[in-house]
């Protein structure tokens, strides 16, 4: 059974983008929550910082969605490549 590249890409994008959104929204309500995490992420995602503003939170979620999707796509592609080569060897 082959893994769906589309499914793994969307799953990763939603998971990581959702995590960024979730932490950012909680940080807006409770400023002591997730500040260190968001500060680290701001070094990777320019413009997505610890400022408790909705625009910054949505930007971080967008970065997370794109980054998660890219990672999922690469993971799925590599998995399919290795799974295909393993099957050919074992037959």
PDB file of N, CA and C in Angstrom:
ATOM      1  N   UNK A   1       0.834  -1.178   0.000  1.00  0.00           N
ATOM      2  CA  UNK A   1       0.000   0.000   0.000  1.00  0.00           C
ATOM      3  C   UNK A   1       0.882   1.245   0.000  1.00  0.00           C
ATOM      4  N   UNK A   2       0.641   2.123  -0.938  1.00  0.00           N
ATOM      5  CA  UNK A   2       1.416   3.362  -1.019  1.00  0.00           C
ATOM      6  C   UNK A   2       0.803   4.431  -0.137  1.00  0.00           C
ATOM      7  N   UNK A   3       1.659   5.227   0.419  1.00  0.00           N
ATOM      8  CA  UNK A   3       1.209   6.349   1.230  1.00  0.00           C
ATOM      9  C   UNK A   3       0.762   7.467   0.292  1.00  0.00           C
ATOM     10  N   UNK A   4      -0.324   8.128   0.633  1.00  0.00           N
ATOM     11  CA  UNK A   4      -0.803   9.261  -0.147  1.00  0.00           C
ATOM     12  C   UNK A   4       0.066  10.478   0.168  1.00  0.00           C
ATOM     13  N   UNK A   5       0.755  10.964  -0.839  1.00  0.00           N
ATOM     14  CA  UNK A   5       1.625  12.127  -0.662  1.00  0.00           C
ATOM     15  C   UNK A   5       0.794  13.357  -0.299  1.00  0.00           C
ATOM     16  N   UNK A   6      -0.374  13.478  -0.901  1.00  0.00           N
ATOM     17  CA  UNK A   6      -1.261  14.605  -0.605  1.00  0.00           C
ATOM     18  C   UNK A   6      -1.722  14.564   0.853  1.00  0.00           C
ATOM     19  N   UNK A   7      -2.078  13.372   1.334  1.00  0.00           N
ATOM     20  CA  UNK A   7      -2.567  13.241   2.713  1.00  0.00           C
ATOM     21  C   UNK A   7      -1.484  13.558   3.734  1.00  0.00           C
ATOM     22  N   UNK A   8      -0.273  13.064   3.525  1.00  0.00           N
ATOM     23  CA  UNK A   8       0.800  13.326   4.485  1.00  0.00           C
ATOM     24  C   UNK A   8       1.202  14.799   4.446  1.00  0.00           C
ATOM     25  N   UNK A   9       1.166  15.417   3.270  1.00  0.00           N
ATOM     26  CA  UNK A   9       1.497  16.838   3.148  1.00  0.00           C
ATOM     27  C   UNK A   9       0.474  17.691   3.882  1.00  0.00           C
ATOM     28  N   UNK A  10      -0.805  17.444   3.632  1.00  0.00           N
ATOM     29  CA  UNK A  10      -1.852  18.231   4.300  1.00  0.00           C
ATOM     30  C   UNK A  10      -1.886  17.972   5.804  1.00  0.00           C
ATOM     31  N   UNK A  11      -1.687  16.737   6.198  1.00  0.00           N
ATOM     32  CA  UNK A  11      -1.681  16.414   7.632  1.00  0.00           C
ATOM     33  C   UNK A  11      -0.562  17.152   8.356  1.00  0.00           C
ATOM     34  N   UNK A  12       0.613  17.141   7.790  1.00  0.00           N
ATOM     35  CA  UNK A  12       1.751  17.838   8.407  1.00  0.00           C
ATOM     36  C   UNK A  12       1.531  19.339   8.435  1.00  0.00           C
ATOM     37  N   UNK A  13       0.987  19.879   7.347  1.00  0.00           N
ATOM     38  CA  UNK A  13       0.740  21.323   7.276  1.00  0.00           C
ATOM     39  C   UNK A  13      -0.275  21.743   8.330  1.00  0.00           C
ATOM     40  N   UNK A  14      -1.362  21.000   8.449  1.00  0.00           N
ATOM     41  CA  UNK A  14      -2.403  21.338   9.424  1.00  0.00           C
ATOM     42  C   UNK A  14      -1.886  21.168  10.848  1.00  0.00           C
ATOM     43  N   UNK A  15      -1.116  20.122  11.080  1.00  0.00           N
ATOM     44  CA  UNK A  15      -0.597  19.878  12.422  1.00  0.00           C
ATOM     45  C   UNK A  15       0.344  20.991  12.878  1.00  0.00           C
ATOM     46  N   UNK A  16       1.325  21.337  12.052  1.00  0.00           N
ATOM     47  CA  UNK A  16       2.313  22.342  12.467  1.00  0.00           C
ATOM     48  C   UNK A  16       1.721  23.743  12.430  1.00  0.00           C
ATOM     49  N   UNK A  17       0.933  24.047  11.409  1.00  0.00           N
ATOM     50  CA  UNK A  17       0.274  25.350  11.361  1.00  0.00           C
ATOM     51  C   UNK A  17      -0.689  25.519  12.520  1.00  0.00           C
ATOM     52  N   UNK A  18      -1.418  24.453  12.851  1.00  0.00           N
ATOM     53  CA  UNK A  18      -2.340  24.486  13.978  1.00  0.00           C
ATOM     54  C   UNK A  18      -1.624  24.656  15.309  1.00  0.00           C
ATOM     55  N   UNK A  19      -0.479  24.021  15.440  1.00  0.00           N
ATOM     56  CA  UNK A  19       0.307  24.166  16.671  1.00  0.00           C
ATOM     57  C   UNK A  19       0.773  25.608  16.844  1.00  0.00           C
ATOM     58  N   UNK A  20       1.242  26.199  15.759  1.00  0.00           N
ATOM     59  CA  UNK A  20       1.672  27.604  15.823  1.00  0.00           C
ATOM     60  C   UNK A  20       0.489  28.516  16.164  1.00  0.00           C
ATOM     61  N   UNK A  21      -0.653  28.261  15.551  1.00  0.00           N
ATOM     62  CA  UNK A  21      -1.847  29.059  15.823  1.00  0.00           C
ATOM     63  C   UNK A  21      -2.291  28.886  17.277  1.00  0.00           C
ATOM     64  N   UNK A  22      -2.344  27.655  17.746  1.00  0.00           N
ATOM     65  CA  UNK A  22      -2.788  27.340  19.097  1.00  0.00           C
ATOM     66  C   UNK A  22      -1.902  28.018  20.142  1.00  0.00           C
ATOM     67  N   UNK A  23      -0.597  27.884  20.010  1.00  0.00           N
ATOM     68  CA  UNK A  23       0.327  28.501  20.973  1.00  0.00           C
ATOM     69  C   UNK A  23       0.222  30.023  20.906  1.00  0.00           C
ATOM     70  N   UNK A  24       0.118  30.559  19.693  1.00  0.00           N
ATOM     71  CA  UNK A  24       0.007  32.013  19.544  1.00  0.00           C
ATOM     72  C   UNK A  24      -1.258  32.575  20.167  1.00  0.00           C
ATOM     73  N   UNK A  25      -2.380  31.888  19.983  1.00  0.00           N
ATOM     74  CA  UNK A  25      -3.643  32.365  20.559  1.00  0.00           C
ATOM     75  C   UNK A  25      -3.631  32.272  22.081  1.00  0.00           C
ATOM     76  N   UNK A  26      -3.090  31.193  22.599  1.00  0.00           N
ATOM     77  CA  UNK A  26      -2.994  31.082  24.063  1.00  0.00           C
ATOM     78  C   UNK A  26      -2.060  32.153  24.614  1.00  0.00           C
ATOM     79  N   UNK A  27      -0.979  32.417  23.893  1.00  0.00           N
ATOM     80  CA  UNK A  27      -0.027  33.455  24.326  1.00  0.00           C
ATOM     81  C   UNK A  27      -0.696  34.829  24.359  1.00  0.00           C
ATOM     82  N   UNK A  28      -1.629  35.065  23.438  1.00  0.00           N
ATOM     83  CA  UNK A  28      -2.358  36.336  23.460  1.00  0.00           C
ATOM     84  C   UNK A  28      -3.199  36.463  24.737  1.00  0.00           C
ATOM     85  N   UNK A  29      -3.803  35.360  25.164  1.00  0.00           N
ATOM     86  CA  UNK A  29      -4.662  35.377  26.352  1.00  0.00           C
ATOM     87  C   UNK A  29      -3.849  35.318  27.653  1.00  0.00           C
ATOM     88  N   UNK A  30      -2.781  34.513  27.637  1.00  0.00           N
ATOM     89  CA  UNK A  30      -1.932  34.332  28.823  1.00  0.00           C
ATOM     90  C   UNK A  30      -0.486  34.590  28.389  1.00  0.00           C
ATOM     91  N   UNK A  31      -0.007  35.820  28.499  1.00  0.00           N
ATOM     92  CA  UNK A  31       1.317  36.175  27.971  1.00  0.00           C
ATOM     93  C   UNK A  31       2.490  35.352  28.499  1.00  0.00           C
ATOM     94  N   UNK A  32       2.332  34.705  29.639  1.00  0.00           N
ATOM     95  CA  UNK A  32       3.438  33.900  30.166  1.00  0.00           C
ATOM     96  C   UNK A  32       3.537  32.543  29.469  1.00  0.00           C
ATOM     97  N   UNK A  33       2.522  32.155  28.694  1.00  0.00           N
ATOM     98  CA  UNK A  33       2.502  30.841  28.044  1.00  0.00           C
ATOM     99  C   UNK A  33       3.169  30.911  26.665  1.00  0.00           C
ATOM    100  N   UNK A  34       4.110  30.042  26.406  1.00  0.00           N
ATOM    101  CA  UNK A  34       4.693  29.859  25.087  1.00  0.00           C
ATOM    102  C   UNK A  34       5.625  30.941  24.591  1.00  0.00           C
ATOM    103  N   UNK A  35       5.990  31.874  25.446  1.00  0.00           N
ATOM    104  CA  UNK A  35       6.858  32.973  25.025  1.00  0.00           C
ATOM    105  C   UNK A  35       8.205  32.503  24.509  1.00  0.00           C
ATOM    106  N   UNK A  36       8.819  31.565  25.206  1.00  0.00           N
ATOM    107  CA  UNK A  36      10.129  31.054  24.776  1.00  0.00           C
ATOM    108  C   UNK A  36      10.013  30.317  23.441  1.00  0.00           C
ATOM    109  N   UNK A  37       8.970  29.508  23.303  1.00  0.00           N
ATOM    110  CA  UNK A  37       8.749  28.793  22.052  1.00  0.00           C
ATOM    111  C   UNK A  37       8.562  29.774  20.892  1.00  0.00           C
ATOM    112  N   UNK A  38       7.728  30.788  21.085  1.00  0.00           N
ATOM    113  CA  UNK A  38       7.474  31.764  20.032  1.00  0.00           C
ATOM    114  C   UNK A  38       8.719  32.586  19.714  1.00  0.00           C
ATOM    115  N   UNK A  39       9.536  32.838  20.719  1.00  0.00           N
ATOM    116  CA  UNK A  39      10.779  33.576  20.479  1.00  0.00           C
ATOM    117  C   UNK A  39      11.730  32.753  19.617  1.00  0.00           C
ATOM    118  N   UNK A  40      11.815  31.461  19.878  1.00  0.00           N
ATOM    119  CA  UNK A  40      12.646  30.583  19.046  1.00  0.00           C
ATOM    120  C   UNK A  40      12.094  30.525  17.624  1.00  0.00           C
ATOM    121  N   UNK A  41      10.780  30.392  17.504  1.00  0.00           N
ATOM    122  CA  UNK A  41      10.160  30.330  16.179  1.00  0.00           C
ATOM    123  C   UNK A  41      10.339  31.634  15.408  1.00  0.00           C
ATOM    124  N   UNK A  42      10.410  32.758  16.119  1.00  0.00           N
ATOM    125  CA  UNK A  42      10.602  34.037  15.435  1.00  0.00           C
ATOM    126  C   UNK A  42      11.993  34.138  14.810  1.00  0.00           C
ATOM    127  N   UNK A  43      12.936  33.335  15.293  1.00  0.00           N
ATOM    128  CA  UNK A  43      14.252  33.329  14.665  1.00  0.00           C
ATOM    129  C   UNK A  43      14.231  32.547  13.350  1.00  0.00           C
ATOM    130  N   UNK A  44      13.236  31.700  13.186  1.00  0.00           N
ATOM    131  CA  UNK A  44      13.090  30.914  11.958  1.00  0.00           C
ATOM    132  C   UNK A  44      12.082  31.570  11.012  1.00  0.00           C
ATOM    133  N   UNK A  45      11.008  32.089  11.567  1.00  0.00           N
ATOM    134  CA  UNK A  45       9.932  32.706  10.788  1.00  0.00           C
ATOM    135  C   UNK A  45       9.937  34.216  11.030  1.00  0.00           C
ATOM    136  N   UNK A  46      10.532  34.994  10.123  1.00  0.00           N
ATOM    137  CA  UNK A  46      10.597  36.444  10.324  1.00  0.00           C
ATOM    138  C   UNK A  46       9.201  37.070  10.370  1.00  0.00           C
ATOM    139  N   UNK A  47       8.993  37.938  11.318  1.00  0.00           N
ATOM    140  CA  UNK A  47       7.716  38.622  11.459  1.00  0.00           C
ATOM    141  C   UNK A  47       6.766  37.929  12.418  1.00  0.00           C
ATOM    142  N   UNK A  48       6.977  36.659  12.671  1.00  0.00           N
ATOM    143  CA  UNK A  48       6.150  35.925  13.635  1.00  0.00           C
ATOM    144  C   UNK A  48       6.871  35.951  14.967  1.00  0.00           C
ATOM    145  N   UNK A  49       6.515  36.910  15.797  1.00  0.00           N
ATOM    146  CA  UNK A  49       7.250  37.066  17.057  1.00  0.00           C
ATOM    147  C   UNK A  49       6.323  36.920  18.250  1.00  0.00           C
ATOM    148  N   UNK A  50       6.789  37.349  19.399  1.00  0.00           N
ATOM    149  CA  UNK A  50       6.031  37.174  20.639  1.00  0.00           C
ATOM    150  C   UNK A  50       5.027  38.297  20.884  1.00  0.00           C
ATOM    151  N   UNK A  51       4.884  39.213  19.943  1.00  0.00           N
ATOM    152  CA  UNK A  51       3.912  40.296  20.108  1.00  0.00           C
ATOM    153  C   UNK A  51       2.500  39.701  20.121  1.00  0.00           C
ATOM    154  N   UNK A  52       1.719  39.997  21.152  1.00  0.00           N
ATOM    155  CA  UNK A  52       0.383  39.401  21.259  1.00  0.00           C
ATOM    156  C   UNK A  52      -0.632  40.100  20.349  1.00  0.00           C
ATOM    157  N   UNK A  53      -0.394  40.034  19.041  1.00  0.00           N
ATOM    158  CA  UNK A  53      -1.303  40.636  18.066  1.00  0.00           C
ATOM    159  C   UNK A  53      -1.770  39.558  17.108  1.00  0.00           C
ATOM    160  N   UNK A  54      -3.017  39.636  16.704  1.00  0.00           N
ATOM    161  CA  UNK A  54      -3.611  38.613  15.858  1.00  0.00           C
ATOM    162  C   UNK A  54      -2.878  38.476  14.528  1.00  0.00           C
ATOM    163  N   UNK A  55      -2.445  39.584  13.958  1.00  0.00           N
ATOM    164  CA  UNK A  55      -1.716  39.531  12.690  1.00  0.00           C
ATOM    165  C   UNK A  55      -0.440  38.710  12.788  1.00  0.00           C
ATOM    166  N   UNK A  56       0.270  38.879  13.882  1.00  0.00           N
ATOM    167  CA  UNK A  56       1.520  38.125  14.105  1.00  0.00           C
ATOM    168  C   UNK A  56       1.229  36.645  14.316  1.00  0.00           C
ATOM    169  N   UNK A  57       0.143  36.364  15.040  1.00  0.00           N
ATOM    170  CA  UNK A  57      -0.235  34.971  15.286  1.00  0.00           C
ATOM    171  C   UNK A  57      -0.613  34.290  13.971  1.00  0.00           C
ATOM    172  N   UNK A  58      -1.401  34.974  13.147  1.00  0.00           N
ATOM    173  CA  UNK A  58      -1.808  34.396  11.858  1.00  0.00           C
ATOM    174  C   UNK A  58      -0.617  34.228  10.912  1.00  0.00           C
ATOM    175  N   UNK A  59       0.331  35.163  10.963  1.00  0.00           N
ATOM    176  CA  UNK A  59       1.538  35.030  10.153  1.00  0.00           C
ATOM    177  C   UNK A  59       2.343  33.809  10.578  1.00  0.00           C
ATOM    178  N   UNK A  60       2.465  33.615  11.882  1.00  0.00           N
ATOM    179  CA  UNK A  60       3.161  32.426  12.393  1.00  0.00           C
ATOM    180  C   UNK A  60       2.458  31.144  11.989  1.00  0.00           C
ATOM    181  N   UNK A  61       1.124  31.149  12.020  1.00  0.00           N
ATOM    182  CA  UNK A  61       0.354  29.972  11.605  1.00  0.00           C
ATOM    183  C   UNK A  61       0.541  29.711  10.113  1.00  0.00           C
ATOM    184  N   UNK A  62       0.588  30.763   9.316  1.00  0.00           N
ATOM    185  CA  UNK A  62       0.813  30.596   7.877  1.00  0.00           C
ATOM    186  C   UNK A  62       2.205  30.030   7.598  1.00  0.00           C
ATOM    187  N   UNK A  63       3.207  30.580   8.272  1.00  0.00           N
ATOM    188  CA  UNK A  63       4.559  30.034   8.147  1.00  0.00           C
ATOM    189  C   UNK A  63       4.583  28.555   8.547  1.00  0.00           C
ATOM    190  N   UNK A  64       3.930  28.238   9.655  1.00  0.00           N
ATOM    191  CA  UNK A  64       3.877  26.857  10.127  1.00  0.00           C
ATOM    192  C   UNK A  64       3.173  25.942   9.136  1.00  0.00           C
ATOM    193  N   UNK A  65       2.092  26.418   8.525  1.00  0.00           N
ATOM    194  CA  UNK A  65       1.353  25.633   7.538  1.00  0.00           C
ATOM    195  C   UNK A  65       2.238  25.314   6.326  1.00  0.00           C
ATOM    196  N   UNK A  66       2.921  26.330   5.815  1.00  0.00           N
ATOM    197  CA  UNK A  66       3.792  26.136   4.646  1.00  0.00           C
ATOM    198  C   UNK A  66       4.985  25.250   5.012  1.00  0.00           C
ATOM    199  N   UNK A  67       5.598  25.517   6.158  1.00  0.00           N
ATOM    200  CA  UNK A  67       6.762  24.743   6.594  1.00  0.00           C
ATOM    201  C   UNK A  67       6.375  23.287   6.874  1.00  0.00           C
ATOM    202  N   UNK A  68       5.260  23.086   7.554  1.00  0.00           N
ATOM    203  CA  UNK A  68       4.790  21.732   7.839  1.00  0.00           C
ATOM    204  C   UNK A  68       4.444  20.975   6.568  1.00  0.00           C
ATOM    205  N   UNK A  69       3.817  21.661   5.626  1.00  0.00           N
ATOM    206  CA  UNK A  69       3.492  21.027   4.352  1.00  0.00           C
ATOM    207  C   UNK A  69       4.736  20.631   3.568  1.00  0.00           C
ATOM    208  N   UNK A  70       5.721  21.494   3.571  1.00  0.00           N
ATOM    209  CA  UNK A  70       6.979  21.192   2.885  1.00  0.00           C
ATOM    210  C   UNK A  70       7.669  19.995   3.528  1.00  0.00           C
ATOM    211  N   UNK A  71       7.719  19.984   4.852  1.00  0.00           N
ATOM    212  CA  UNK A  71       8.339  18.854   5.559  1.00  0.00           C
ATOM    213  C   UNK A  71       7.570  17.564   5.299  1.00  0.00           C
ATOM    214  N   UNK A  72       6.243  17.632   5.307  1.00  0.00           N
ATOM    215  CA  UNK A  72       5.425  16.454   5.029  1.00  0.00           C
ATOM    216  C   UNK A  72       5.613  15.930   3.621  1.00  0.00           C
ATOM    217  N   UNK A  73       5.712  16.850   2.672  1.00  0.00           N
ATOM    218  CA  UNK A  73       5.944  16.464   1.279  1.00  0.00           C
ATOM    219  C   UNK A  73       7.282  15.750   1.132  1.00  0.00           C
ATOM    220  N   UNK A  74       8.320  16.320   1.729  1.00  0.00           N
ATOM    221  CA  UNK A  74       9.643  15.696   1.657  1.00  0.00           C
ATOM    222  C   UNK A  74       9.666  14.341   2.368  1.00  0.00           C
ATOM    223  N   UNK A  75       9.020  14.272   3.533  1.00  0.00           N
ATOM    224  CA  UNK A  75       8.952  13.009   4.262  1.00  0.00           C
ATOM    225  C   UNK A  75       8.223  11.949   3.437  1.00  0.00           C
ATOM    226  N   UNK A  76       7.076  12.306   2.878  1.00  0.00           N
ATOM    227  CA  UNK A  76       6.306  11.358   2.077  1.00  0.00           C
ATOM    228  C   UNK A  76       7.061  10.901   0.852  1.00  0.00           C
ATOM    229  N   UNK A  77       7.752  11.833   0.201  1.00  0.00           N
ATOM    230  CA  UNK A  77       8.521  11.485  -0.995  1.00  0.00           C
ATOM    231  C   UNK A  77       9.661  10.531  -0.643  1.00  0.00           C
ATOM    232  N   UNK A  78      10.382  10.840   0.434  1.00  0.00           N
ATOM    233  CA  UNK A  78      11.472   9.967   0.862  1.00  0.00           C
ATOM    234  C   UNK A  78      10.954   8.592   1.295  1.00  0.00           C
ATOM    235  N   UNK A  79       9.862   8.583   2.038  1.00  0.00           N
ATOM    236  CA  UNK A  79       9.284   7.324   2.485  1.00  0.00           C
ATOM    237  C   UNK A  79       8.895   6.454   1.290  1.00  0.00           C
ATOM    238  N   UNK A  80       8.224   7.056   0.321  1.00  0.00           N
ATOM    239  CA  UNK A  80       7.819   6.303  -0.869  1.00  0.00           C
ATOM    240  C   UNK A  80       9.026   5.788  -1.642  1.00  0.00           C
ATOM    241  N   UNK A  81      10.061   6.605  -1.710  1.00  0.00           N
ATOM    242  CA  UNK A  81      11.267   6.182  -2.430  1.00  0.00           C
ATOM    243  C   UNK A  81      11.930   5.004  -1.733  1.00  0.00           C
ATOM    244  N   UNK A  82      12.054   5.071  -0.417  1.00  0.00           N
ATOM    245  CA  UNK A  82      12.689   3.977   0.313  1.00  0.00           C
ATOM    246  C   UNK A  82      11.796   2.747   0.399  1.00  0.00           C
ATOM    247  N   UNK A  83      10.502   2.937   0.554  1.00  0.00           N
ATOM    248  CA  UNK A  83       9.584   1.805   0.618  1.00  0.00           C
ATOM    249  C   UNK A  83       9.553   1.073  -0.718  1.00  0.00           C
ATOM    250  N   UNK A  84       9.647   1.810  -1.804  1.00  0.00           N
ATOM    251  CA  UNK A  84       9.659   1.193  -3.126  1.00  0.00           C
ATOM    252  C   UNK A  84      10.940   0.414  -3.350  1.00  0.00           C
ATOM    253  N   UNK A  85      12.067   0.945  -2.918  1.00  0.00           N
ATOM    254  CA  UNK A  85      13.343   0.241  -3.112  1.00  0.00           C
ATOM    255  C   UNK A  85      13.448  -0.973  -2.204  1.00  0.00           C
ATOM    256  N   UNK A  86      12.837  -0.909  -1.029  1.00  0.00           N
ATOM    257  CA  UNK A  86      12.861  -2.046  -0.102  1.00  0.00           C
ATOM    258  C   UNK A  86      12.049  -3.205  -0.666  1.00  0.00           C
ATOM    259  N   UNK A  87      10.884  -2.920  -1.253  1.00  0.00           N
ATOM    260  CA  UNK A  87      10.052  -3.959  -1.827  1.00  0.00           C
ATOM    261  C   UNK A  87      10.763  -4.654  -2.983  1.00  0.00           C
ATOM    262  N   UNK A  88      11.470  -3.875  -3.786  1.00  0.00           N
ATOM    263  CA  UNK A  88      12.158  -4.461  -4.941  1.00  0.00           C
ATOM    264  C   UNK A  88      13.266  -5.401  -4.486  1.00  0.00           C
ATOM    265  N   UNK A  89      13.925  -5.082  -3.390  1.00  0.00           N
ATOM    266  CA  UNK A  89      15.005  -5.910  -2.884  1.00  0.00           C
ATOM    267  C   UNK A  89      14.467  -7.177  -2.250  1.00  0.00           C
ATOM    268  N   UNK A  90      13.326  -7.089  -1.536  1.00  0.00           N
ATOM    269  CA  UNK A  90      12.817  -8.234  -0.795  1.00  0.00           C
ATOM    270  C   UNK A  90      12.113  -9.262  -1.677  1.00  0.00           C
ATOM    271  N   UNK A  91      11.776  -8.929  -2.922  1.00  0.00           N
ATOM    272  CA  UNK A  91      11.052  -9.874  -3.793  1.00  0.00           C
ATOM    273  C   UNK A  91      11.956 -10.903  -4.386  1.00  0.00           C
TER     274      UNK A  91
END
